[in-house]
All heavy atoms as atom14 arrays in JSON, in Angstrom:
{
  "sequence": "LNQPLKTPWRPWCLTQYYKQRVVRDERFKLYSTGEFYDLSEDPLELHN",
  "atom14_mask": [
    [1, 1, 1, 1, 1, 1, 1, 1, 0, 0, 0, 0, 0, 0],
    [1, 1, 1, 1, 1, 1, 1, 1, 0, 0, 0, 0, 0, 0],
    [1, 1, 1, 1, 1, 1, 1, 1, 1, 0, 0, 0, 0, 0],
    [1, 1, 1, 1, 1, 1, 1, 0, 0, 0, 0, 0, 0, 0],
    [1, 1, 1, 1, 1, 1, 1, 1, 0, 0, 0, 0, 0, 0],
    [1, 1, 1, 1, 1, 1, 1, 1, 1, 0, 0, 0, 0, 0],
    [1, 1, 1, 1, 1, 1, 1, 0, 0, 0, 0, 0, 0, 0],
    [1, 1, 1, 1, 1, 1, 1, 0, 0, 0, 0, 0, 0, 0],
    [1, 1, 1, 1, 1, 1, 1, 1, 1, 1, 1, 1, 1, 1],
    [1, 1, 1, 1, 1, 1, 1, 1, 1, 1, 1, 0, 0, 0],
    [1, 1, 1, 1, 1, 1, 1, 0, 0, 0, 0, 0, 0, 0],
    [1, 1, 1, 1, 1, 1, 1, 1, 1, 1, 1, 1, 1, 1],
    [1, 1, 1, 1, 1, 1, 0, 0, 0, 0, 0, 0, 0, 0],
    [1, 1, 1, 1, 1, 1, 1, 1, 0, 0, 0, 0, 0, 0],
    [1, 1, 1, 1, 1, 1, 1, 0, 0, 0, 0, 0, 0, 0],
    [1, 1, 1, 1, 1, 1, 1, 1, 1, 0, 0, 0, 0, 0],
    [1, 1, 1, 1, 1, 1, 1, 1, 1, 1, 1, 1, 0, 0],
    [1, 1, 1, 1, 1, 1, 1, 1, 1, 1, 1, 1, 0, 0],
    [1, 1, 1, 1, 1, 1, 1, 1, 1, 0, 0, 0, 0, 0],
    [1, 1, 1, 1, 1, 1, 1, 1, 1, 0, 0, 0, 0, 0],
    [1, 1, 1, 1, 1, 1, 1, 1, 1, 1, 1, 0, 0, 0],
    [1, 1, 1, 1, 1, 1, 1, 0, 0, 0, 0, 0, 0, 0],
    [1, 1, 1, 1, 1, 1, 1, 0, 0, 0, 0, 0, 0, 0],
    [1, 1, 1, 1, 1, 1, 1, 1, 1, 1, 1, 0, 0, 0],
    [1, 1, 1, 1, 1, 1, 1, 1, 0, 0, 0, 0, 0, 0],
    [1, 1, 1, 1, 1, 1, 1, 1, 1, 0, 0, 0, 0, 0],
    [1, 1, 1, 1, 1, 1, 1, 1, 1, 1, 1, 0, 0, 0],
    [1, 1, 1, 1, 1, 1, 1, 1, 1, 1, 1, 0, 0, 0],
    [1, 1, 1, 1, 1, 1, 1, 1, 1, 0, 0, 0, 0, 0],
    [1, 1, 1, 1, 1, 1, 1, 1, 0, 0, 0, 0, 0, 0],
    [1, 1, 1, 1, 1, 1, 1, 1, 1, 1, 1, 1, 0, 0],
    [1, 1, 1, 1, 1, 1, 0, 0, 0, 0, 0, 0, 0, 0],
    [1, 1, 1, 1, 1, 1, 1, 0, 0, 0, 0, 0, 0, 0],
    [1, 1, 1, 1, 0, 0, 0, 0, 0, 0, 0, 0, 0, 0],
    [1, 1, 1, 1, 1, 1, 1, 1, 1, 0, 0, 0, 0, 0],
    [1, 1, 1, 1, 1, 1, 1, 1, 1, 1, 1, 0, 0, 0],
    [1, 1, 1, 1, 1, 1, 1, 1, 1, 1, 1, 1, 0, 0],
    [1, 1, 1, 1, 1, 1, 1, 1, 0, 0, 0, 0, 0, 0],
    [1, 1, 1, 1, 1, 1, 1, 1, 0, 0, 0, 0, 0, 0],
    [1, 1, 1, 1, 1, 1, 0, 0, 0, 0, 0, 0, 0, 0],
    [1, 1, 1, 1, 1, 1, 1, 1, 1, 0, 0, 0, 0, 0],
    [1, 1, 1, 1, 1, 1, 1, 1, 0, 0, 0, 0, 0, 0],
    [1, 1, 1, 1, 1, 1, 1, 0, 0, 0, 0, 0, 0, 0],
    [1, 1, 1, 1, 1, 1, 1, 1, 0, 0, 0, 0, 0, 0],
    [1, 1, 1, 1, 1, 1, 1, 1, 1, 0, 0, 0, 0, 0],
    [1, 1, 1, 1, 1, 1, 1, 1, 0, 0, 0, 0, 0, 0],
    [1, 1, 1, 1, 1, 1, 1, 1, 1, 1, 0, 0, 0, 0],
    [1, 1, 1, 1, 1, 1, 1, 1, 0, 0, 0, 0, 0, 0]
  ],
  "atom14_positions": [
    [[20.81, 29.94, 11.81], [21.93, 29.97, 12.79], [22.38, 28.49, 13.18], [23.19, 28.39, 14.06], [21.5, 30.68, 14.04], [21.01, 32.1, 13.82], [20.51, 32.84, 15.12], [22.27, 33.04, 13.27], [0.0, 0.0, 0.0], [0.0, 0.0, 0.0], [0.0, 0.0, 0.0], [0.0, 0.0, 0.0], [0.0, 0.0, 0.0], [0.0, 0.0, 0.0]],
    [[21.78, 27.49, 12.52], [22.09, 26.11, 12.77], [21.88, 25.69, 14.24], [22.72, 25.03, 14.86], [23.65, 25.82, 12.4], [23.83, 24.47, 11.9], [22.91, 23.63, 11.69], [25.06, 24.12, 11.72], [0.0, 0.0, 0.0], [0.0, 0.0, 0.0], [0.0, 0.0, 0.0], [0.0, 0.0, 0.0], [0.0, 0.0, 0.0], [0.0, 0.0, 0.0]],
    [[20.78, 26.11, 14.68], [20.35, 25.75, 16.1], [19.25, 24.74, 16.03], [18.44, 24.62, 15.1], [19.91, 27.0, 16.8], [20.98, 28.09, 16.95], [20.47, 29.37, 17.55], [19.24, 29.61, 17.51], [21.35, 30.2, 17.94], [0.0, 0.0, 0.0], [0.0, 0.0, 0.0], [0.0, 0.0, 0.0], [0.0, 0.0, 0.0], [0.0, 0.0, 0.0]],
    [[19.05, 23.94, 17.11], [18.02, 22.96, 17.11], [16.64, 23.67, 17.21], [16.41, 24.73, 17.88], [18.27, 22.15, 18.41], [19.03, 23.07, 19.22], [19.81, 23.89, 18.34], [0.0, 0.0, 0.0], [0.0, 0.0, 0.0], [0.0, 0.0, 0.0], [0.0, 0.0, 0.0], [0.0, 0.0, 0.0], [0.0, 0.0, 0.0], [0.0, 0.0, 0.0]],
    [[15.58, 23.05, 16.5], [14.28, 23.6, 16.55], [13.54, 23.18, 17.85], [13.69, 22.07, 18.36], [13.49, 23.06, 15.46], [13.8, 23.58, 13.98], [13.17, 22.88, 12.9], [13.61, 25.06, 13.87], [0.0, 0.0, 0.0], [0.0, 0.0, 0.0], [0.0, 0.0, 0.0], [0.0, 0.0, 0.0], [0.0, 0.0, 0.0], [0.0, 0.0, 0.0]],
    [[12.88, 24.17, 18.45], [12.1, 23.79, 19.7], [10.96, 22.94, 19.43], [10.46, 22.18, 20.27], [11.7, 25.13, 20.42], [12.95, 25.92, 20.95], [12.52, 27.24, 21.63], [13.65, 28.01, 22.11], [13.2, 29.25, 22.75], [0.0, 0.0, 0.0], [0.0, 0.0, 0.0], [0.0, 0.0, 0.0], [0.0, 0.0, 0.0], [0.0, 0.0, 0.0]],
    [[10.25, 23.09, 18.2], [9.17, 22.35, 17.78], [9.4, 21.89, 16.34], [10.14, 22.57, 15.63], [7.93, 23.22, 17.79], [8.02, 24.34, 17.04], [7.55, 23.6, 19.25], [0.0, 0.0, 0.0], [0.0, 0.0, 0.0], [0.0, 0.0, 0.0], [0.0, 0.0, 0.0], [0.0, 0.0, 0.0], [0.0, 0.0, 0.0], [0.0, 0.0, 0.0]],
    [[8.72, 20.78, 15.98], [8.99, 20.37, 14.64], [8.56, 21.4, 13.52], [7.68, 22.18, 13.82], [8.01, 19.15, 14.44], [7.9, 18.75, 15.94], [7.88, 19.88, 16.74], [0.0, 0.0, 0.0], [0.0, 0.0, 0.0], [0.0, 0.0, 0.0], [0.0, 0.0, 0.0], [0.0, 0.0, 0.0], [0.0, 0.0, 0.0], [0.0, 0.0, 0.0]],
    [[9.34, 21.46, 12.5], [9.06, 22.35, 11.33], [7.67, 21.96, 10.64], [7.36, 20.83, 10.71], [10.12, 22.45, 10.38], [9.95, 23.62, 9.42], [9.76, 23.53, 8.08], [9.95, 25.02, 9.77], [9.69, 24.76, 7.53], [9.76, 25.8, 8.51], [10.15, 25.74, 10.96], [9.78, 27.14, 8.49], [10.08, 27.11, 10.86], [9.87, 27.77, 9.66]],
    [[6.99, 23.02, 10.11], [5.67, 22.66, 9.59], [5.73, 21.75, 8.44], [6.8, 21.77, 7.64], [5.0, 23.97, 9.16], [5.7, 24.79, 8.15], [4.72, 25.54, 7.3], [5.44, 26.51, 6.41], [5.8, 27.74, 6.73], [5.36, 28.29, 7.84], [6.4, 28.42, 5.81], [0.0, 0.0, 0.0], [0.0, 0.0, 0.0], [0.0, 0.0, 0.0]],
    [[4.79, 20.85, 8.25], [4.9, 19.81, 7.11], [4.32, 20.24, 5.82], [4.38, 19.51, 4.82], [3.9, 18.73, 7.65], [2.97, 19.47, 8.49], [3.69, 20.67, 9.16], [0.0, 0.0, 0.0], [0.0, 0.0, 0.0], [0.0, 0.0, 0.0], [0.0, 0.0, 0.0], [0.0, 0.0, 0.0], [0.0, 0.0, 0.0], [0.0, 0.0, 0.0]],
    [[3.96, 21.61, 5.66], [3.53, 22.11, 4.34], [3.75, 23.64, 4.35], [3.99, 24.28, 5.26], [1.9, 21.86, 4.24], [1.09, 22.35, 5.43], [0.7, 21.74, 6.49], [0.66, 23.81, 5.57], [0.07, 22.49, 7.42], [-0.1, 23.82, 6.78], [0.7, 24.9, 4.8], [-0.64, 24.91, 7.23], [0.11, 26.03, 5.25], [-0.66, 26.03, 6.45]],
    [[3.7, 24.06, 3.06], [3.78, 25.5, 2.85], [2.74, 25.93, 1.76], [2.2, 25.04, 1.07], [5.13, 26.03, 2.33], [5.73, 25.45, 0.87], [0.0, 0.0, 0.0], [0.0, 0.0, 0.0], [0.0, 0.0, 0.0], [0.0, 0.0, 0.0], [0.0, 0.0, 0.0], [0.0, 0.0, 0.0], [0.0, 0.0, 0.0], [0.0, 0.0, 0.0]],
    [[2.32, 27.19, 1.68], [1.16, 27.59, 0.9], [1.48, 28.91, 0.15], [2.23, 29.73, 0.56], [0.0, 27.8, 1.83], [-1.27, 28.26, 1.25], [-2.51, 27.6, 1.92], [-1.54, 29.82, 1.48], [0.0, 0.0, 0.0], [0.0, 0.0, 0.0], [0.0, 0.0, 0.0], [0.0, 0.0, 0.0], [0.0, 0.0, 0.0], [0.0, 0.0, 0.0]],
    [[0.8, 29.03, -1.03], [0.64, 30.37, -1.59], [-0.61, 30.38, -2.38], [-1.35, 29.4, -2.43], [1.92, 30.61, -2.5], [1.81, 31.99, -2.88], [1.92, 29.75, -3.75], [0.0, 0.0, 0.0], [0.0, 0.0, 0.0], [0.0, 0.0, 0.0], [0.0, 0.0, 0.0], [0.0, 0.0, 0.0], [0.0, 0.0, 0.0], [0.0, 0.0, 0.0]],
    [[-0.97, 31.49, -3.0], [-2.18, 31.65, -3.77], [-2.07, 32.77, -4.67], [-1.26, 33.67, -4.59], [-3.35, 31.89, -2.78], [-3.4, 33.26, -2.17], [-4.64, 33.55, -1.33], [-4.69, 33.24, -0.15], [-5.68, 34.01, -1.98], [0.0, 0.0, 0.0], [0.0, 0.0, 0.0], [0.0, 0.0, 0.0], [0.0, 0.0, 0.0], [0.0, 0.0, 0.0]],
    [[-2.97, 32.83, -5.67], [-3.26, 33.99, -6.49], [-4.74, 34.15, -6.65], [-5.4, 33.04, -7.16], [-2.54, 34.03, -7.71], [-2.58, 35.35, -8.5], [-1.85, 36.5, -7.92], [-3.25, 35.5, -9.6], [-1.98, 37.67, -8.47], [-3.44, 36.82, -10.18], [-2.75, 37.8, -9.62], [-2.83, 39.06, -10.17], [0.0, 0.0, 0.0], [0.0, 0.0, 0.0]],
    [[-5.3, 35.22, -6.23], [-6.8, 35.39, -6.27], [-7.43, 34.31, -5.47], [-7.08, 34.17, -4.33], [-7.29, 35.57, -7.72], [-8.82, 35.96, -7.81], [-9.26, 37.0, -7.17], [-9.55, 35.21, -8.56], [-10.62, 37.39, -7.22], [-10.92, 35.53, -8.68], [-11.42, 36.67, -8.02], [-12.7, 37.01, -8.17], [0.0, 0.0, 0.0], [0.0, 0.0, 0.0]],
    [[-8.39, 33.56, -6.03], [-8.98, 32.55, -5.29], [-8.33, 31.14, -5.34], [-8.64, 30.31, -4.56], [-10.46, 32.46, -5.74], [-11.35, 33.56, -5.58], [-12.68, 33.37, -6.15], [-13.62, 34.58, -5.91], [-15.02, 34.38, -6.43], [0.0, 0.0, 0.0], [0.0, 0.0, 0.0], [0.0, 0.0, 0.0], [0.0, 0.0, 0.0], [0.0, 0.0, 0.0]],
    [[-7.33, 31.05, -6.16], [-6.73, 29.75, -6.37], [-5.53, 29.62, -5.37], [-4.63, 30.5, -5.37], [-6.17, 29.55, -7.83], [-5.74, 28.12, -8.03], [-5.38, 27.9, -9.49], [-5.18, 28.78, -10.34], [-5.2, 26.66, -9.9], [0.0, 0.0, 0.0], [0.0, 0.0, 0.0], [0.0, 0.0, 0.0], [0.0, 0.0, 0.0], [0.0, 0.0, 0.0]],
    [[-5.52, 28.53, -4.65], [-4.46, 28.28, -3.67], [-3.79, 27.0, -4.01], [-4.32, 26.07, -4.5], [-5.04, 28.28, -2.28], [-5.86, 29.54, -1.97], [-6.6, 29.41, -0.63], [-7.41, 30.64, -0.39], [-8.1, 30.82, 0.69], [-8.27, 29.88, 1.67], [-8.86, 32.0, 0.87], [0.0, 0.0, 0.0], [0.0, 0.0, 0.0], [0.0, 0.0, 0.0]],
    [[-2.47, 26.85, -3.56], [-1.73, 25.7, -3.68], [-1.09, 25.31, -2.35], [-0.63, 26.26, -1.71], [-0.77, 25.58, -4.86], [-1.41, 25.73, -6.16], [0.24, 26.73, -4.65], [0.0, 0.0, 0.0], [0.0, 0.0, 0.0], [0.0, 0.0, 0.0], [0.0, 0.0, 0.0], [0.0, 0.0, 0.0], [0.0, 0.0, 0.0], [0.0, 0.0, 0.0]],
    [[-1.06, 24.21, -1.97], [-0.27, 23.76, -0.78], [0.49, 22.52, -1.13], [0.08, 21.72, -1.88], [-1.32, 23.47, 0.37], [-2.28, 22.3, 0.06], [-0.6, 23.22, 1.72], [0.0, 0.0, 0.0], [0.0, 0.0, 0.0], [0.0, 0.0, 0.0], [0.0, 0.0, 0.0], [0.0, 0.0, 0.0], [0.0, 0.0, 0.0], [0.0, 0.0, 0.0]],
    [[1.64, 22.32, -0.5], [2.5, 21.23, -0.8], [3.14, 20.68, 0.38], [3.35, 21.56, 1.41], [3.59, 21.62, -1.84], [4.65, 22.6, -1.42], [5.93, 22.48, -2.21], [6.72, 21.33, -2.01], [7.69, 21.01, -2.63], [8.14, 21.74, -3.58], [8.28, 19.86, -2.46], [0.0, 0.0, 0.0], [0.0, 0.0, 0.0], [0.0, 0.0, 0.0]],
    [[3.53, 19.43, 0.48], [4.43, 18.98, 1.49], [5.75, 18.67, 0.89], [6.05, 19.2, -0.2], [3.8, 17.62, 2.12], [3.47, 16.48, 1.13], [4.04, 16.54, 0.01], [2.63, 15.71, 1.45], [0.0, 0.0, 0.0], [0.0, 0.0, 0.0], [0.0, 0.0, 0.0], [0.0, 0.0, 0.0], [0.0, 0.0, 0.0], [0.0, 0.0, 0.0]],
    [[6.55, 17.78, 1.37], [7.86, 17.56, 0.9], [7.77, 16.9, -0.61], [8.76, 17.05, -1.29], [8.71, 16.76, 1.85], [9.07, 17.49, 3.02], [10.1, 16.52, 3.94], [10.34, 15.4, 3.54], [10.47, 17.08, 4.99], [0.0, 0.0, 0.0], [0.0, 0.0, 0.0], [0.0, 0.0, 0.0], [0.0, 0.0, 0.0], [0.0, 0.0, 0.0]],
    [[6.71, 16.23, -0.79], [6.76, 15.51, -2.09], [5.6, 15.84, -3.08], [5.73, 15.91, -4.25], [6.63, 13.96, -1.72], [6.55, 13.12, -2.96], [6.59, 11.65, -2.65], [6.43, 10.7, -3.68], [6.36, 9.39, -3.68], [6.63, 8.77, -2.48], [6.2, 8.61, -4.7], [0.0, 0.0, 0.0], [0.0, 0.0, 0.0], [0.0, 0.0, 0.0]],
    [[4.4, 16.05, -2.46], [3.2, 16.22, -3.24], [2.68, 17.67, -3.21], [2.92, 18.47, -2.19], [2.11, 15.3, -2.79], [2.37, 13.85, -2.94], [2.92, 13.15, -1.88], [2.07, 13.24, -4.19], [3.2, 11.74, -2.12], [2.3, 11.86, -4.33], [2.93, 11.21, -3.32], [0.0, 0.0, 0.0], [0.0, 0.0, 0.0], [0.0, 0.0, 0.0]],
    [[1.91, 18.08, -4.11], [1.33, 19.4, -4.29], [-0.1, 19.3, -4.68], [-0.48, 18.61, -5.71], [2.08, 20.25, -5.36], [1.68, 21.6, -5.71], [2.55, 22.31, -6.68], [2.1, 23.67, -7.0], [2.97, 24.26, -8.02], [0.0, 0.0, 0.0], [0.0, 0.0, 0.0], [0.0, 0.0, 0.0], [0.0, 0.0, 0.0], [0.0, 0.0, 0.0]],
    [[-0.93, 20.13, -3.99], [-2.42, 19.99, -4.29], [-2.92, 21.52, -4.62], [-2.62, 22.36, -3.75], [-3.12, 19.46, -3.06], [-4.71, 19.37, -3.24], [-5.12, 18.48, -4.43], [-5.29, 18.93, -1.88], [0.0, 0.0, 0.0], [0.0, 0.0, 0.0], [0.0, 0.0, 0.0], [0.0, 0.0, 0.0], [0.0, 0.0, 0.0], [0.0, 0.0, 0.0]],
    [[-3.72, 21.65, -5.65], [-4.33, 22.85, -6.0], [-5.7, 22.84, -5.42], [-6.35, 21.86, -5.32], [-4.48, 23.12, -7.39], [-3.11, 23.43, -8.19], [-2.12, 22.3, -8.32], [-2.86, 24.58, -8.74], [-0.96, 22.67, -9.09], [-1.7, 24.91, -9.47], [-0.78, 23.95, -9.55], [0.45, 24.27, -10.33], [0.0, 0.0, 0.0], [0.0, 0.0, 0.0]],
    [[-6.22, 24.15, -5.05], [-7.57, 24.12, -4.59], [-8.63, 23.83, -5.68], [-9.72, 23.53, -5.46], [-7.85, 25.64, -4.04], [-7.61, 26.54, -5.13], [0.0, 0.0, 0.0], [0.0, 0.0, 0.0], [0.0, 0.0, 0.0], [0.0, 0.0, 0.0], [0.0, 0.0, 0.0], [0.0, 0.0, 0.0], [0.0, 0.0, 0.0], [0.0, 0.0, 0.0]],
    [[-8.16, 23.86, -6.89], [-9.0, 23.42, -8.04], [-8.85, 21.98, -8.33], [-9.58, 21.43, -9.19], [-8.51, 24.19, -9.25], [-7.05, 24.13, -9.41], [-8.98, 25.65, -9.28], [0.0, 0.0, 0.0], [0.0, 0.0, 0.0], [0.0, 0.0, 0.0], [0.0, 0.0, 0.0], [0.0, 0.0, 0.0], [0.0, 0.0, 0.0], [0.0, 0.0, 0.0]],
    [[-8.17, 21.27, -7.51], [-8.25, 19.76, -7.51], [-7.02, 19.07, -8.12], [-6.75, 17.89, -7.77], [0.0, 0.0, 0.0], [0.0, 0.0, 0.0], [0.0, 0.0, 0.0], [0.0, 0.0, 0.0], [0.0, 0.0, 0.0], [0.0, 0.0, 0.0], [0.0, 0.0, 0.0], [0.0, 0.0, 0.0], [0.0, 0.0, 0.0], [0.0, 0.0, 0.0]],
    [[-6.17, 19.72, -8.89], [-5.01, 19.04, -9.48], [-4.01, 18.62, -8.42], [-3.79, 19.33, -7.37], [-4.28, 19.95, -10.42], [-5.08, 20.41, -11.6], [-5.81, 21.72, -11.39], [-6.06, 22.05, -10.26], [-6.19, 22.43, -12.35], [0.0, 0.0, 0.0], [0.0, 0.0, 0.0], [0.0, 0.0, 0.0], [0.0, 0.0, 0.0], [0.0, 0.0, 0.0]],
    [[-3.45, 17.37, -8.63], [-2.57, 16.83, -7.54], [-1.28, 16.11, -8.2], [-1.53, 15.4, -9.19], [-3.33, 15.7, -6.79], [-2.68, 15.05, -5.7], [-2.16, 15.73, -4.62], [-2.43, 13.68, -5.71], [-1.49, 15.15, -3.57], [-1.77, 12.98, -4.64], [-1.23, 13.84, -3.59], [0.0, 0.0, 0.0], [0.0, 0.0, 0.0], [0.0, 0.0, 0.0]],
    [[-0.14, 16.56, -7.79], [1.02, 16.15, -8.49], [2.17, 15.63, -7.48], [2.14, 16.08, -6.33], [1.69, 17.37, -9.17], [0.77, 17.94, -10.27], [-0.04, 19.06, -10.03], [0.74, 17.33, -11.58], [-0.74, 19.45, -11.05], [-0.09, 17.85, -12.52], [-0.93, 18.95, -12.28], [-1.62, 19.43, -13.23], [0.0, 0.0, 0.0], [0.0, 0.0, 0.0]],
    [[2.85, 14.65, -7.98], [4.04, 14.15, -7.28], [5.22, 14.81, -7.75], [5.74, 14.52, -8.78], [4.16, 12.63, -7.49], [5.22, 12.03, -6.7], [6.03, 12.72, -6.1], [5.4, 10.8, -6.59], [0.0, 0.0, 0.0], [0.0, 0.0, 0.0], [0.0, 0.0, 0.0], [0.0, 0.0, 0.0], [0.0, 0.0, 0.0], [0.0, 0.0, 0.0]],
    [[5.71, 15.88, -7.01], [6.77, 16.69, -7.53], [8.18, 15.96, -7.55], [9.07, 16.26, -8.2], [6.92, 17.93, -6.66], [5.65, 18.9, -6.62], [5.94, 20.05, -5.64], [5.49, 19.5, -8.12], [0.0, 0.0, 0.0], [0.0, 0.0, 0.0], [0.0, 0.0, 0.0], [0.0, 0.0, 0.0], [0.0, 0.0, 0.0], [0.0, 0.0, 0.0]],
    [[8.24, 14.85, -6.78], [9.51, 14.14, -6.68], [9.86, 13.51, -8.05], [10.93, 13.27, -8.48], [9.47, 13.12, -5.61], [8.54, 12.04, -5.99], [0.0, 0.0, 0.0], [0.0, 0.0, 0.0], [0.0, 0.0, 0.0], [0.0, 0.0, 0.0], [0.0, 0.0, 0.0], [0.0, 0.0, 0.0], [0.0, 0.0, 0.0], [0.0, 0.0, 0.0]],
    [[8.76, 13.14, -8.77], [9.07, 12.45, -10.12], [8.41, 13.33, -11.27], [8.59, 12.98, -12.42], [8.31, 11.13, -10.15], [6.93, 11.14, -9.88], [6.27, 9.66, -9.79], [6.97, 8.84, -9.19], [5.22, 9.34, -10.36], [0.0, 0.0, 0.0], [0.0, 0.0, 0.0], [0.0, 0.0, 0.0], [0.0, 0.0, 0.0], [0.0, 0.0, 0.0]],
    [[7.68, 14.36, -10.95], [7.07, 15.13, -12.01], [7.16, 16.63, -11.68], [6.05, 17.32, -11.5], [5.58, 14.76, -12.01], [4.71, 15.45, -13.16], [5.41, 15.93, -14.05], [3.49, 15.55, -13.13], [0.0, 0.0, 0.0], [0.0, 0.0, 0.0], [0.0, 0.0, 0.0], [0.0, 0.0, 0.0], [0.0, 0.0, 0.0], [0.0, 0.0, 0.0]],
    [[8.32, 17.15, -11.68], [8.5, 18.61, -11.28], [7.84, 19.64, -12.19], [7.53, 20.77, -11.86], [10.04, 18.81, -11.1], [10.52, 17.79, -12.06], [9.66, 16.61, -11.95], [0.0, 0.0, 0.0], [0.0, 0.0, 0.0], [0.0, 0.0, 0.0], [0.0, 0.0, 0.0], [0.0, 0.0, 0.0], [0.0, 0.0, 0.0], [0.0, 0.0, 0.0]],
    [[7.65, 19.22, -13.4], [7.02, 20.14, -14.47], [5.46, 19.98, -14.39], [4.78, 20.69, -15.16], [7.46, 19.79, -15.89], [8.97, 20.0, -16.09], [9.32, 19.61, -17.48], [9.52, 21.37, -15.72], [0.0, 0.0, 0.0], [0.0, 0.0, 0.0], [0.0, 0.0, 0.0], [0.0, 0.0, 0.0], [0.0, 0.0, 0.0], [0.0, 0.0, 0.0]],
    [[4.93, 19.1, -13.48], [3.49, 18.99, -13.25], [2.76, 18.72, -14.56], [1.79, 19.33, -14.98], [2.94, 20.25, -12.63], [3.6, 20.62, -11.39], [3.13, 21.89, -10.8], [1.9, 22.22, -10.86], [3.87, 22.72, -10.26], [0.0, 0.0, 0.0], [0.0, 0.0, 0.0], [0.0, 0.0, 0.0], [0.0, 0.0, 0.0], [0.0, 0.0, 0.0]],
    [[3.16, 17.63, -15.19], [2.63, 17.07, -16.42], [1.64, 16.01, -16.21], [0.76, 15.82, -17.13], [3.71, 16.58, -17.42], [4.79, 17.57, -17.86], [5.87, 16.97, -18.68], [4.27, 18.79, -18.47], [0.0, 0.0, 0.0], [0.0, 0.0, 0.0], [0.0, 0.0, 0.0], [0.0, 0.0, 0.0], [0.0, 0.0, 0.0], [0.0, 0.0, 0.0]],
    [[1.54, 15.46, -15.13], [0.7, 14.32, -14.9], [-0.22, 14.5, -13.67], [0.31, 14.19, -12.44], [1.54, 12.9, -14.67], [2.49, 12.74, -15.84], [2.09, 12.42, -17.12], [3.86, 12.89, -15.87], [3.11, 12.31, -17.89], [4.16, 12.61, -17.26], [0.0, 0.0, 0.0], [0.0, 0.0, 0.0], [0.0, 0.0, 0.0], [0.0, 0.0, 0.0]],
    [[-1.36, 14.92, -13.78], [-2.34, 15.04, -12.78], [-2.86, 13.72, -12.15], [-3.41, 12.89, -12.87], [-3.56, 15.91, -13.26], [-4.6, 16.24, -12.14], [-4.33, 15.9, -11.02], [-5.71, 16.75, -12.62], [0.0, 0.0, 0.0], [0.0, 0.0, 0.0], [0.0, 0.0, 0.0], [0.0, 0.0, 0.0], [0.0, 0.0, 0.0], [0.0, 0.0, 0.0]]
  ]
}
């Protein structure tokens, strides 16, 4: 509705499948299995 937020928006979002989870912020993404990617320059996740 293009209204001001009462509190800051969350800095991360999350999803999972079975036991594996991933969490990301605006730039980086981390897997629960340890892989870590800079999505700003590596959107295909080729460089751990």
